[in-house]
């Protein structure tokens, strides 16, 4: 059973940075982390979960929601079965629970809280 474990969230002041990590495990049937596209989503209080960024498995193509372009960077290390989200110039509106998601198997992590406040 595939499991995703996020870490790296916390409280940061506006303009600060955080790096989220998501470690994946439990792949079976000849499939590995490197076979799947990965994404980050977030959910702010009272709002629906929204897409933040994604990265493909082989060519490492990336996509971002408009509000984070130029500030967030998604990357992955297939050897470590880990996907990262580097978040710079954080704003209060980035406050949310951030979730890792593996496309295909459609598995979510448990989430990590990011709070941007002075």
PDB file of N, CA and C in Angstrom:
ATOM      1  N   UNK A   1       0.852  -1.180   0.000  1.00  0.00           N
ATOM      2  CA  UNK A   1       0.000   0.000   0.000  1.00  0.00           C
ATOM      3  C   UNK A   1       0.896   1.240   0.000  1.00  0.00           C
ATOM      4  N   UNK A   2       0.622   2.131  -0.948  1.00  0.00           N
ATOM      5  CA  UNK A   2       1.426   3.337  -1.071  1.00  0.00           C
ATOM      6  C   UNK A   2       1.128   4.281   0.083  1.00  0.00           C
ATOM      7  N   UNK A   3       2.189   4.825   0.664  1.00  0.00           N
ATOM      8  CA  UNK A   3       2.058   5.817   1.730  1.00  0.00           C
ATOM      9  C   UNK A   3       2.906   7.035   1.391  1.00  0.00           C
ATOM     10  N   UNK A   4       2.369   8.203   1.728  1.00  0.00           N
ATOM     11  CA  UNK A   4       3.059   9.462   1.519  1.00  0.00           C
ATOM     12  C   UNK A   4       3.154  10.176   2.863  1.00  0.00           C
ATOM     13  N   UNK A   5       4.346  10.621   3.225  1.00  0.00           N
ATOM     14  CA  UNK A   5       4.547  11.303   4.497  1.00  0.00           C
ATOM     15  C   UNK A   5       5.193  12.658   4.226  1.00  0.00           C
ATOM     16  N   UNK A   6       4.428  13.721   4.521  1.00  0.00           N
ATOM     17  CA  UNK A   6       4.925  15.080   4.327  1.00  0.00           C
ATOM     18  C   UNK A   6       5.606  15.589   5.600  1.00  0.00           C
ATOM     19  N   UNK A   7       6.529  16.503   5.411  1.00  0.00           N
ATOM     20  CA  UNK A   7       7.181  17.177   6.531  1.00  0.00           C
ATOM     21  C   UNK A   7       7.690  18.531   6.051  1.00  0.00           C
ATOM     22  N   UNK A   8       8.100  19.353   7.022  1.00  0.00           N
ATOM     23  CA  UNK A   8       8.705  20.634   6.680  1.00  0.00           C
ATOM     24  C   UNK A   8       7.820  21.844   6.885  1.00  0.00           C
ATOM     25  N   UNK A   9       6.565  21.627   7.254  1.00  0.00           N
ATOM     26  CA  UNK A   9       5.691  22.762   7.509  1.00  0.00           C
ATOM     27  C   UNK A   9       6.055  23.487   8.795  1.00  0.00           C
ATOM     28  N   UNK A  10       5.392  24.612   9.027  1.00  0.00           N
ATOM     29  CA  UNK A  10       5.654  25.369  10.244  1.00  0.00           C
ATOM     30  C   UNK A  10       5.139  26.776  10.137  1.00  0.00           C
ATOM     31  N   UNK A  11       5.556  27.599  11.099  1.00  0.00           N
ATOM     32  CA  UNK A  11       5.180  29.009  11.151  1.00  0.00           C
ATOM     33  C   UNK A  11       6.336  29.845  10.608  1.00  0.00           C
ATOM     34  N   UNK A  12       6.034  30.720   9.681  1.00  0.00           N
ATOM     35  CA  UNK A  12       7.064  31.561   9.073  1.00  0.00           C
ATOM     36  C   UNK A  12       6.501  32.962   8.860  1.00  0.00           C
ATOM     37  N   UNK A  13       7.365  33.952   8.913  1.00  0.00           N
ATOM     38  CA  UNK A  13       6.931  35.335   8.685  1.00  0.00           C
ATOM     39  C   UNK A  13       6.765  35.598   7.188  1.00  0.00           C
ATOM     40  N   UNK A  14       5.938  36.558   6.839  1.00  0.00           N
ATOM     41  CA  UNK A  14       5.824  36.931   5.421  1.00  0.00           C
ATOM     42  C   UNK A  14       7.181  37.262   4.828  1.00  0.00           C
ATOM     43  N   UNK A  15       7.394  36.770   3.613  1.00  0.00           N
ATOM     44  CA  UNK A  15       8.690  36.938   2.960  1.00  0.00           C
ATOM     45  C   UNK A  15       9.664  35.813   3.234  1.00  0.00           C
ATOM     46  N   UNK A  16       9.326  34.929   4.168  1.00  0.00           N
ATOM     47  CA  UNK A  16      10.210  33.835   4.531  1.00  0.00           C
ATOM     48  C   UNK A  16      10.095  32.651   3.583  1.00  0.00           C
ATOM     49  N   UNK A  17      10.824  31.597   3.919  1.00  0.00           N
ATOM     50  CA  UNK A  17      10.881  30.403   3.074  1.00  0.00           C
ATOM     51  C   UNK A  17      10.676  29.139   3.894  1.00  0.00           C
ATOM     52  N   UNK A  18      10.145  28.137   3.245  1.00  0.00           N
ATOM     53  CA  UNK A  18      10.033  26.795   3.802  1.00  0.00           C
ATOM     54  C   UNK A  18      10.266  25.795   2.679  1.00  0.00           C
ATOM     55  N   UNK A  19      10.741  24.627   3.056  1.00  0.00           N
ATOM     56  CA  UNK A  19      10.899  23.529   2.089  1.00  0.00           C
ATOM     57  C   UNK A  19      10.124  22.326   2.587  1.00  0.00           C
ATOM     58  N   UNK A  20       9.101  21.944   1.851  1.00  0.00           N
ATOM     59  CA  UNK A  20       8.324  20.765   2.187  1.00  0.00           C
ATOM     60  C   UNK A  20       8.920  19.538   1.508  1.00  0.00           C
ATOM     61  N   UNK A  21       8.834  18.415   2.215  1.00  0.00           N
ATOM     62  CA  UNK A  21       9.271  17.131   1.666  1.00  0.00           C
ATOM     63  C   UNK A  21       8.131  16.133   1.755  1.00  0.00           C
ATOM     64  N   UNK A  22       8.099  15.210   0.825  1.00  0.00           N
ATOM     65  CA  UNK A  22       7.112  14.135   0.832  1.00  0.00           C
ATOM     66  C   UNK A  22       7.828  12.850   0.431  1.00  0.00           C
ATOM     67  N   UNK A  23       7.913  11.934   1.373  1.00  0.00           N
ATOM     68  CA  UNK A  23       8.566  10.655   1.126  1.00  0.00           C
ATOM     69  C   UNK A  23       7.508   9.601   0.826  1.00  0.00           C
ATOM     70  N   UNK A  24       7.693   8.889  -0.260  1.00  0.00           N
ATOM     71  CA  UNK A  24       6.735   7.864  -0.688  1.00  0.00           C
ATOM     72  C   UNK A  24       7.296   6.464  -0.452  1.00  0.00           C
ATOM     73  N   UNK A  25       6.419   5.547  -0.135  1.00  0.00           N
ATOM     74  CA  UNK A  25       6.821   4.166   0.083  1.00  0.00           C
ATOM     75  C   UNK A  25       5.653   3.250  -0.250  1.00  0.00           C
ATOM     76  N   UNK A  26       5.960   1.941  -0.322  1.00  0.00           N
ATOM     77  CA  UNK A  26       4.892   0.964  -0.498  1.00  0.00           C
ATOM     78  C   UNK A  26       4.528   0.630  -1.929  1.00  0.00           C
ATOM     79  N   UNK A  27       5.362   1.040  -2.885  1.00  0.00           N
ATOM     80  CA  UNK A  27       5.060   0.716  -4.278  1.00  0.00           C
ATOM     81  C   UNK A  27       5.289  -0.775  -4.520  1.00  0.00           C
ATOM     82  N   UNK A  28       4.436  -1.368  -5.342  1.00  0.00           N
ATOM     83  CA  UNK A  28       4.509  -2.801  -5.600  1.00  0.00           C
ATOM     84  C   UNK A  28       4.265  -3.095  -7.075  1.00  0.00           C
ATOM     85  N   UNK A  29       4.259  -4.384  -7.410  1.00  0.00           N
ATOM     86  CA  UNK A  29       3.929  -4.855  -8.755  1.00  0.00           C
ATOM     87  C   UNK A  29       4.854  -4.279  -9.811  1.00  0.00           C
ATOM     88  N   UNK A  30       6.129  -4.125  -9.439  1.00  0.00           N
ATOM     89  CA  UNK A  30       7.101  -3.648 -10.410  1.00  0.00           C
ATOM     90  C   UNK A  30       7.096  -2.159 -10.645  1.00  0.00           C
ATOM     91  N   UNK A  31       6.245  -1.423  -9.969  1.00  0.00           N
ATOM     92  CA  UNK A  31       6.198   0.017 -10.115  1.00  0.00           C
ATOM     93  C   UNK A  31       6.972   0.681  -8.979  1.00  0.00           C
ATOM     94  N   UNK A  32       7.636   1.762  -9.310  1.00  0.00           N
ATOM     95  CA  UNK A  32       8.386   2.514  -8.311  1.00  0.00           C
ATOM     96  C   UNK A  32       7.918   3.964  -8.309  1.00  0.00           C
ATOM     97  N   UNK A  33       8.457   4.719  -7.372  1.00  0.00           N
ATOM     98  CA  UNK A  33       8.153   6.146  -7.292  1.00  0.00           C
ATOM     99  C   UNK A  33       8.399   6.816  -8.632  1.00  0.00           C
ATOM    100  N   UNK A  34       9.460   6.415  -9.317  1.00  0.00           N
ATOM    101  CA  UNK A  34       9.830   7.045 -10.574  1.00  0.00           C
ATOM    102  C   UNK A  34       8.847   6.825 -11.706  1.00  0.00           C
ATOM    103  N   UNK A  35       7.866   5.968 -11.526  1.00  0.00           N
ATOM    104  CA  UNK A  35       6.874   5.731 -12.575  1.00  0.00           C
ATOM    105  C   UNK A  35       5.741   6.750 -12.556  1.00  0.00           C
ATOM    106  N   UNK A  36       5.639   7.540 -11.496  1.00  0.00           N
ATOM    107  CA  UNK A  36       4.440   8.357 -11.307  1.00  0.00           C
ATOM    108  C   UNK A  36       4.717   9.855 -11.300  1.00  0.00           C
ATOM    109  N   UNK A  37       3.771  10.605 -11.869  1.00  0.00           N
ATOM    110  CA  UNK A  37       3.769  12.053 -11.703  1.00  0.00           C
ATOM    111  C   UNK A  37       3.335  12.368 -10.280  1.00  0.00           C
ATOM    112  N   UNK A  38       3.879  13.462  -9.742  1.00  0.00           N
ATOM    113  CA  UNK A  38       3.595  13.850  -8.359  1.00  0.00           C
ATOM    114  C   UNK A  38       3.091  15.288  -8.307  1.00  0.00           C
ATOM    115  N   UNK A  39       2.285  15.566  -7.304  1.00  0.00           N
ATOM    116  CA  UNK A  39       1.708  16.904  -7.174  1.00  0.00           C
ATOM    117  C   UNK A  39       1.675  17.339  -5.717  1.00  0.00           C
ATOM    118  N   UNK A  40       1.576  18.652  -5.541  1.00  0.00           N
ATOM    119  CA  UNK A  40       1.272  19.261  -4.255  1.00  0.00           C
ATOM    120  C   UNK A  40      -0.061  20.006  -4.387  1.00  0.00           C
ATOM    121  N   UNK A  41      -0.887  19.857  -3.369  1.00  0.00           N
ATOM    122  CA  UNK A  41      -2.134  20.592  -3.252  1.00  0.00           C
ATOM    123  C   UNK A  41      -2.135  21.286  -1.890  1.00  0.00           C
ATOM    124  N   UNK A  42      -3.062  22.204  -1.709  1.00  0.00           N
ATOM    125  CA  UNK A  42      -3.214  22.853  -0.410  1.00  0.00           C
ATOM    126  C   UNK A  42      -4.683  23.142  -0.138  1.00  0.00           C
ATOM    127  N   UNK A  43      -5.000  23.238   1.138  1.00  0.00           N
ATOM    128  CA  UNK A  43      -6.358  23.547   1.553  1.00  0.00           C
ATOM    129  C   UNK A  43      -6.321  24.536   2.699  1.00  0.00           C
ATOM    130  N   UNK A  44      -6.842  25.717   2.440  1.00  0.00           N
ATOM    131  CA  UNK A  44      -6.929  26.756   3.460  1.00  0.00           C
ATOM    132  C   UNK A  44      -8.236  26.597   4.233  1.00  0.00           C
ATOM    133  N   UNK A  45      -8.295  27.130   5.455  1.00  0.00           N
ATOM    134  CA  UNK A  45      -9.524  26.998   6.253  1.00  0.00           C
ATOM    135  C   UNK A  45     -10.744  27.549   5.511  1.00  0.00           C
ATOM    136  N   UNK A  46     -11.794  26.746   5.448  1.00  0.00           N
ATOM    137  CA  UNK A  46     -13.025  27.173   4.807  1.00  0.00           C
ATOM    138  C   UNK A  46     -13.010  27.161   3.301  1.00  0.00           C
ATOM    139  N   UNK A  47     -11.936  26.657   2.716  1.00  0.00           N
ATOM    140  CA  UNK A  47     -11.819  26.633   1.253  1.00  0.00           C
ATOM    141  C   UNK A  47     -11.632  25.209   0.753  1.00  0.00           C
ATOM    142  N   UNK A  48     -11.856  25.026  -0.535  1.00  0.00           N
ATOM    143  CA  UNK A  48     -11.640  23.722  -1.135  1.00  0.00           C
ATOM    144  C   UNK A  48     -10.146  23.482  -1.377  1.00  0.00           C
ATOM    145  N   UNK A  49      -9.793  22.215  -1.447  1.00  0.00           N
ATOM    146  CA  UNK A  49      -8.411  21.860  -1.756  1.00  0.00           C
ATOM    147  C   UNK A  49      -8.097  22.313  -3.182  1.00  0.00           C
ATOM    148  N   UNK A  50      -6.917  22.899  -3.370  1.00  0.00           N
ATOM    149  CA  UNK A  50      -6.550  23.418  -4.680  1.00  0.00           C
ATOM    150  C   UNK A  50      -5.180  22.924  -5.100  1.00  0.00           C
ATOM    151  N   UNK A  51      -5.008  22.833  -6.410  1.00  0.00           N
ATOM    152  CA  UNK A  51      -3.736  22.435  -6.994  1.00  0.00           C
ATOM    153  C   UNK A  51      -2.690  23.522  -6.775  1.00  0.00           C
ATOM    154  N   UNK A  52      -1.465  23.099  -6.451  1.00  0.00           N
ATOM    155  CA  UNK A  52      -0.357  24.040  -6.281  1.00  0.00           C
ATOM    156  C   UNK A  52       0.706  23.828  -7.359  1.00  0.00           C
ATOM    157  N   UNK A  53       1.188  22.593  -7.486  1.00  0.00           N
ATOM    158  CA  UNK A  53       2.273  22.323  -8.429  1.00  0.00           C
ATOM    159  C   UNK A  53       2.325  20.836  -8.741  1.00  0.00           C
ATOM    160  N   UNK A  54       2.897  20.511  -9.899  1.00  0.00           N
ATOM    161  CA  UNK A  54       3.076  19.117 -10.277  1.00  0.00           C
ATOM    162  C   UNK A  54       4.386  18.940 -11.025  1.00  0.00           C
ATOM    163  N   UNK A  55       4.864  17.690 -11.035  1.00  0.00           N
ATOM    164  CA  UNK A  55       6.097  17.367 -11.754  1.00  0.00           C
ATOM    165  C   UNK A  55       5.941  15.987 -12.363  1.00  0.00           C
ATOM    166  N   UNK A  56       6.321  15.840 -13.622  1.00  0.00           N
ATOM    167  CA  UNK A  56       6.186  14.548 -14.278  1.00  0.00           C
ATOM    168  C   UNK A  56       7.320  13.611 -13.879  1.00  0.00           C
ATOM    169  N   UNK A  57       7.153  12.334 -14.214  1.00  0.00           N
ATOM    170  CA  UNK A  57       8.067  11.331 -13.681  1.00  0.00           C
ATOM    171  C   UNK A  57       9.391  11.263 -14.431  1.00  0.00           C
ATOM    172  N   UNK A  58       9.367  11.409 -15.744  1.00  0.00           N
ATOM    173  CA  UNK A  58      10.595  11.194 -16.518  1.00  0.00           C
ATOM    174  C   UNK A  58      11.232  12.505 -16.959  1.00  0.00           C
ATOM    175  N   UNK A  59      10.467  13.342 -17.620  1.00  0.00           N
ATOM    176  CA  UNK A  59      11.041  14.580 -18.166  1.00  0.00           C
ATOM    177  C   UNK A  59      11.054  15.719 -17.170  1.00  0.00           C
ATOM    178  N   UNK A  60      10.486  15.482 -15.999  1.00  0.00           N
ATOM    179  CA  UNK A  60      10.488  16.465 -14.917  1.00  0.00           C
ATOM    180  C   UNK A  60       9.836  17.777 -15.345  1.00  0.00           C
ATOM    181  N   UNK A  61       8.831  17.700 -16.195  1.00  0.00           N
ATOM    182  CA  UNK A  61       8.083  18.895 -16.566  1.00  0.00           C
ATOM    183  C   UNK A  61       7.264  19.354 -15.366  1.00  0.00           C
ATOM    184  N   UNK A  62       7.188  20.661 -15.188  1.00  0.00           N
ATOM    185  CA  UNK A  62       6.495  21.198 -14.027  1.00  0.00           C
ATOM    186  C   UNK A  62       5.361  22.131 -14.437  1.00  0.00           C
ATOM    187  N   UNK A  63       4.377  22.210 -13.565  1.00  0.00           N
ATOM    188  CA  UNK A  63       3.271  23.154 -13.704  1.00  0.00           C
ATOM    189  C   UNK A  63       2.987  23.762 -12.347  1.00  0.00           C
ATOM    190  N   UNK A  64       2.503  25.006 -12.379  1.00  0.00           N
ATOM    191  CA  UNK A  64       2.208  25.730 -11.141  1.00  0.00           C
ATOM    192  C   UNK A  64       0.903  26.485 -11.287  1.00  0.00           C
ATOM    193  N   UNK A  65       0.197  26.617 -10.178  1.00  0.00           N
ATOM    194  CA  UNK A  65      -0.926  27.532 -10.180  1.00  0.00           C
ATOM    195  C   UNK A  65      -0.378  28.949 -10.258  1.00  0.00           C
ATOM    196  N   UNK A  66      -1.146  29.846 -10.852  1.00  0.00           N
ATOM    197  CA  UNK A  66      -0.640  31.191 -11.123  1.00  0.00           C
ATOM    198  C   UNK A  66      -0.163  31.920  -9.871  1.00  0.00           C
ATOM    199  N   UNK A  67      -0.826  31.709  -8.758  1.00  0.00           N
ATOM    200  CA  UNK A  67      -0.519  32.484  -7.559  1.00  0.00           C
ATOM    201  C   UNK A  67       0.839  32.149  -6.947  1.00  0.00           C
ATOM    202  N   UNK A  68       1.453  31.041  -7.348  1.00  0.00           N
ATOM    203  CA  UNK A  68       2.751  30.666  -6.771  1.00  0.00           C
ATOM    204  C   UNK A  68       3.886  30.710  -7.787  1.00  0.00           C
ATOM    205  N   UNK A  69       3.580  31.004  -9.032  1.00  0.00           N
ATOM    206  CA  UNK A  69       4.619  31.037 -10.063  1.00  0.00           C
ATOM    207  C   UNK A  69       5.680  32.065  -9.705  1.00  0.00           C
ATOM    208  N   UNK A  70       6.943  31.662  -9.836  1.00  0.00           N
ATOM    209  CA  UNK A  70       8.048  32.540  -9.507  1.00  0.00           C
ATOM    210  C   UNK A  70       8.427  32.521  -8.045  1.00  0.00           C
ATOM    211  N   UNK A  71       7.621  31.892  -7.199  1.00  0.00           N
ATOM    212  CA  UNK A  71       7.911  31.830  -5.760  1.00  0.00           C
ATOM    213  C   UNK A  71       8.127  30.396  -5.279  1.00  0.00           C
ATOM    214  N   UNK A  72       7.406  29.445  -5.843  1.00  0.00           N
ATOM    215  CA  UNK A  72       7.508  28.038  -5.437  1.00  0.00           C
ATOM    216  C   UNK A  72       8.223  27.236  -6.519  1.00  0.00           C
ATOM    217  N   UNK A  73       8.955  26.209  -6.078  1.00  0.00           N
ATOM    218  CA  UNK A  73       9.641  25.315  -7.005  1.00  0.00           C
ATOM    219  C   UNK A  73       9.423  23.876  -6.562  1.00  0.00           C
ATOM    220  N   UNK A  74       8.882  23.071  -7.461  1.00  0.00           N
ATOM    221  CA  UNK A  74       8.707  21.648  -7.181  1.00  0.00           C
ATOM    222  C   UNK A  74       9.869  20.884  -7.794  1.00  0.00           C
ATOM    223  N   UNK A  75      10.329  19.866  -7.081  1.00  0.00           N
ATOM    224  CA  UNK A  75      11.404  19.022  -7.590  1.00  0.00           C
ATOM    225  C   UNK A  75      11.226  17.618  -7.024  1.00  0.00           C
ATOM    226  N   UNK A  76      12.012  16.691  -7.518  1.00  0.00           N
ATOM    227  CA  UNK A  76      11.907  15.313  -7.036  1.00  0.00           C
ATOM    228  C   UNK A  76      13.261  14.627  -7.088  1.00  0.00           C
ATOM    229  N   UNK A  77      13.404  13.629  -6.225  1.00  0.00           N
ATOM    230  CA  UNK A  77      14.589  12.776  -6.197  1.00  0.00           C
ATOM    231  C   UNK A  77      14.067  11.346  -6.258  1.00  0.00           C
ATOM    232  N   UNK A  78      14.132  10.744  -7.445  1.00  0.00           N
ATOM    233  CA  UNK A  78      13.554   9.413  -7.615  1.00  0.00           C
ATOM    234  C   UNK A  78      14.322   8.352  -6.816  1.00  0.00           C
ATOM    235  N   UNK A  79      15.603   8.575  -6.583  1.00  0.00           N
ATOM    236  CA  UNK A  79      16.377   7.608  -5.796  1.00  0.00           C
ATOM    237  C   UNK A  79      15.918   7.588  -4.347  1.00  0.00           C
ATOM    238  N   UNK A  80      15.484   8.742  -3.861  1.00  0.00           N
ATOM    239  CA  UNK A  80      15.015   8.842  -2.478  1.00  0.00           C
ATOM    240  C   UNK A  80      13.491   8.790  -2.374  1.00  0.00           C
ATOM    241  N   UNK A  81      12.829   8.567  -3.517  1.00  0.00           N
ATOM    242  CA  UNK A  81      11.358   8.496  -3.527  1.00  0.00           C
ATOM    243  C   UNK A  81      10.746   9.703  -2.822  1.00  0.00           C
ATOM    244  N   UNK A  82      11.277  10.869  -3.131  1.00  0.00           N
ATOM    245  CA  UNK A  82      10.878  12.089  -2.438  1.00  0.00           C
ATOM    246  C   UNK A  82      10.563  13.188  -3.430  1.00  0.00           C
ATOM    247  N   UNK A  83       9.500  13.928  -3.133  1.00  0.00           N
ATOM    248  CA  UNK A  83       9.170  15.129  -3.888  1.00  0.00           C
ATOM    249  C   UNK A  83       9.237  16.311  -2.928  1.00  0.00           C
ATOM    250  N   UNK A  84       9.724  17.444  -3.433  1.00  0.00           N
ATOM    251  CA  UNK A  84       9.937  18.628  -2.611  1.00  0.00           C
ATOM    252  C   UNK A  84       9.110  19.794  -3.139  1.00  0.00           C
ATOM    253  N   UNK A  85       8.844  20.720  -2.236  1.00  0.00           N
ATOM    254  CA  UNK A  85       8.243  21.992  -2.630  1.00  0.00           C
ATOM    255  C   UNK A  85       8.998  23.098  -1.892  1.00  0.00           C
ATOM    256  N   UNK A  86       9.835  23.796  -2.637  1.00  0.00           N
ATOM    257  CA  UNK A  86      10.552  24.945  -2.082  1.00  0.00           C
ATOM    258  C   UNK A  86       9.642  26.159  -2.209  1.00  0.00           C
ATOM    259  N   UNK A  87       9.359  26.797  -1.087  1.00  0.00           N
ATOM    260  CA  UNK A  87       8.437  27.931  -1.063  1.00  0.00           C
ATOM    261  C   UNK A  87       9.184  29.167  -0.583  1.00  0.00           C
ATOM    262  N   UNK A  88       9.326  30.134  -1.434  1.00  0.00           N
ATOM    263  CA  UNK A  88      10.011  31.386  -1.116  1.00  0.00           C
ATOM    264  C   UNK A  88       9.030  32.550  -1.171  1.00  0.00           C
ATOM    265  N   UNK A  89       9.427  33.663  -0.533  1.00  0.00           N
ATOM    266  CA  UNK A  89       8.595  34.873  -0.520  1.00  0.00           C
ATOM    267  C   UNK A  89       7.162  34.523  -0.117  1.00  0.00           C
ATOM    268  N   UNK A  90       7.047  33.819   0.965  1.00  0.00           N
ATOM    269  CA  UNK A  90       5.724  33.374   1.404  1.00  0.00           C
ATOM    270  C   UNK A  90       4.846  34.542   1.819  1.00  0.00           C
ATOM    271  N   UNK A  91       3.554  34.378   1.556  1.00  0.00           N
ATOM    272  CA  UNK A  91       2.556  35.399   1.850  1.00  0.00           C
ATOM    273  C   UNK A  91       1.505  34.819   2.792  1.00  0.00           C
ATOM    274  N   UNK A  92       0.807  35.670   3.537  1.00  0.00           N
ATOM    275  CA  UNK A  92      -0.233  35.153   4.434  1.00  0.00           C
ATOM    276  C   UNK A  92      -1.258  34.291   3.706  1.00  0.00           C
ATOM    277  N   UNK A  93      -1.548  34.584   2.451  1.00  0.00           N
ATOM    278  CA  UNK A  93      -2.526  33.799   1.706  1.00  0.00           C
ATOM    279  C   UNK A  93      -2.017  32.414   1.324  1.00  0.00           C
ATOM    280  N   UNK A  94      -0.754  32.133   1.585  1.00  0.00           N
ATOM    281  CA  UNK A  94      -0.219  30.779   1.383  1.00  0.00           C
ATOM    282  C   UNK A  94      -0.521  29.872   2.574  1.00  0.00           C
ATOM    283  N   UNK A  95      -1.051  30.429   3.637  1.00  0.00           N
ATOM    284  CA  UNK A  95      -1.386  29.635   4.817  1.00  0.00           C
ATOM    285  C   UNK A  95      -2.400  28.557   4.455  1.00  0.00           C
ATOM    286  N   UNK A  96      -2.059  27.302   4.744  1.00  0.00           N
ATOM    287  CA  UNK A  96      -2.906  26.168   4.383  1.00  0.00           C
ATOM    288  C   UNK A  96      -2.260  24.879   4.877  1.00  0.00           C
ATOM    289  N   UNK A  97      -3.020  23.811   4.790  1.00  0.00           N
ATOM    290  CA  UNK A  97      -2.438  22.481   4.933  1.00  0.00           C
ATOM    291  C   UNK A  97      -2.023  22.030   3.540  1.00  0.00           C
ATOM    292  N   UNK A  98      -0.782  21.613   3.416  1.00  0.00           N
ATOM    293  CA  UNK A  98      -0.221  21.199   2.128  1.00  0.00           C
ATOM    294  C   UNK A  98      -0.177  19.677   2.059  1.00  0.00           C
ATOM    295  N   UNK A  99      -0.689  19.157   0.937  1.00  0.00           N
ATOM    296  CA  UNK A  99      -0.799  17.718   0.747  1.00  0.00           C
ATOM    297  C   UNK A  99       0.006  17.280  -0.462  1.00  0.00           C
ATOM    298  N   UNK A 100       0.640  16.162  -0.310  1.00  0.00           N
ATOM    299  CA  UNK A 100       1.339  15.491  -1.395  1.00  0.00           C
ATOM    300  C   UNK A 100       0.363  14.497  -2.035  1.00  0.00           C
ATOM    301  N   UNK A 101       0.482  14.307  -3.365  1.00  0.00           N
ATOM    302  CA  UNK A 101      -0.459  13.447  -4.085  1.00  0.00           C
ATOM    303  C   UNK A 101       0.277  12.703  -5.191  1.00  0.00           C
ATOM    304  N   UNK A 102       0.057  11.400  -5.262  1.00  0.00           N
ATOM    305  CA  UNK A 102       0.644  10.614  -6.332  1.00  0.00           C
ATOM    306  C   UNK A 102      -0.449  10.287  -7.346  1.00  0.00           C
ATOM    307  N   UNK A 103      -0.237  10.748  -8.556  1.00  0.00           N
ATOM    308  CA  UNK A 103      -1.227  10.530  -9.600  1.00  0.00           C
ATOM    309  C   UNK A 103      -1.184   9.079 -10.061  1.00  0.00           C
ATOM    310  N   UNK A 104      -2.273   8.584 -10.576  1.00  0.00           N
ATOM    311  CA  UNK A 104      -2.372   7.186 -10.974  1.00  0.00           C
ATOM    312  C   UNK A 104      -3.021   6.392  -9.851  1.00  0.00           C
ATOM    313  N   UNK A 105      -2.244   6.056  -8.837  1.00  0.00           N
ATOM    314  CA  UNK A 105      -2.845   5.378  -7.683  1.00  0.00           C
ATOM    315  C   UNK A 105      -3.795   6.271  -6.886  1.00  0.00           C
ATOM    316  N   UNK A 106      -3.682   7.597  -7.102  1.00  0.00           N
ATOM    317  CA  UNK A 106      -4.564   8.555  -6.412  1.00  0.00           C
ATOM    318  C   UNK A 106      -4.484   8.414  -4.897  1.00  0.00           C
ATOM    319  N   UNK A 107      -3.279   8.581  -4.379  1.00  0.00           N
ATOM    320  CA  UNK A 107      -3.045   8.486  -2.937  1.00  0.00           C
ATOM    321  C   UNK A 107      -2.625   9.849  -2.404  1.00  0.00           C
ATOM    322  N   UNK A 108      -3.185  10.218  -1.241  1.00  0.00           N
ATOM    323  CA  UNK A 108      -2.866  11.480  -0.580  1.00  0.00           C
ATOM    324  C   UNK A 108      -2.024  11.245   0.657  1.00  0.00           C
ATOM    325  N   UNK A 109      -1.173  12.209   0.980  1.00  0.00           N
ATOM    326  CA  UNK A 109      -0.508  12.204   2.257  1.00  0.00           C
ATOM    327  C   UNK A 109      -1.420  12.769   3.328  1.00  0.00           C
ATOM    328  N   UNK A 110      -0.883  12.836   4.554  1.00  0.00           N
ATOM    329  CA  UNK A 110      -1.706  13.297   5.685  1.00  0.00           C
ATOM    330  C   UNK A 110      -1.723  14.817   5.802  1.00  0.00           C
ATOM    331  N   UNK A 111      -0.805  15.482   5.117  1.00  0.00           N
ATOM    332  CA  UNK A 111      -0.752  16.939   5.122  1.00  0.00           C
ATOM    333  C   UNK A 111       0.219  17.500   6.139  1.00  0.00           C
ATOM    334  N   UNK A 112       0.712  18.699   5.841  1.00  0.00           N
ATOM    335  CA  UNK A 112       1.575  19.428   6.764  1.00  0.00           C
ATOM    336  C   UNK A 112       1.125  20.881   6.770  1.00  0.00           C
ATOM    337  N   UNK A 113       1.035  21.451   7.974  1.00  0.00           N
ATOM    338  CA  UNK A 113       0.499  22.802   8.126  1.00  0.00           C
ATOM    339  C   UNK A 113       1.575  23.845   7.832  1.00  0.00           C
ATOM    340  N   UNK A 114       1.218  24.811   6.999  1.00  0.00           N
ATOM    341  CA  UNK A 114       2.063  25.975   6.740  1.00  0.00           C
ATOM    342  C   UNK A 114       1.290  27.214   7.160  1.00  0.00           C
ATOM    343  N   UNK A 115       1.876  27.998   8.066  1.00  0.00           N
ATOM    344  CA  UNK A 115       1.249  29.220   8.541  1.00  0.00           C
ATOM    345  C   UNK A 115       2.195  30.385   8.296  1.00  0.00           C
ATOM    346  N   UNK A 116       1.705  31.378   7.565  1.00  0.00           N
ATOM    347  CA  UNK A 116       2.504  32.564   7.259  1.00  0.00           C
ATOM    348  C   UNK A 116       1.881  33.738   7.992  1.00  0.00           C
ATOM    349  N   UNK A 117       2.595  34.229   8.993  1.00  0.00           N
ATOM    350  CA  UNK A 117       2.038  35.282   9.838  1.00  0.00           C
ATOM    351  C   UNK A 117       3.164  36.024  10.534  1.00  0.00           C
ATOM    352  N   UNK A 118       2.930  37.311  10.764  1.00  0.00           N
ATOM    353  CA  UNK A 118       3.895  38.107  11.520  1.00  0.00           C
ATOM    354  C   UNK A 118       3.510  38.143  12.994  1.00  0.00           C
TER     355      UNK A 118
END
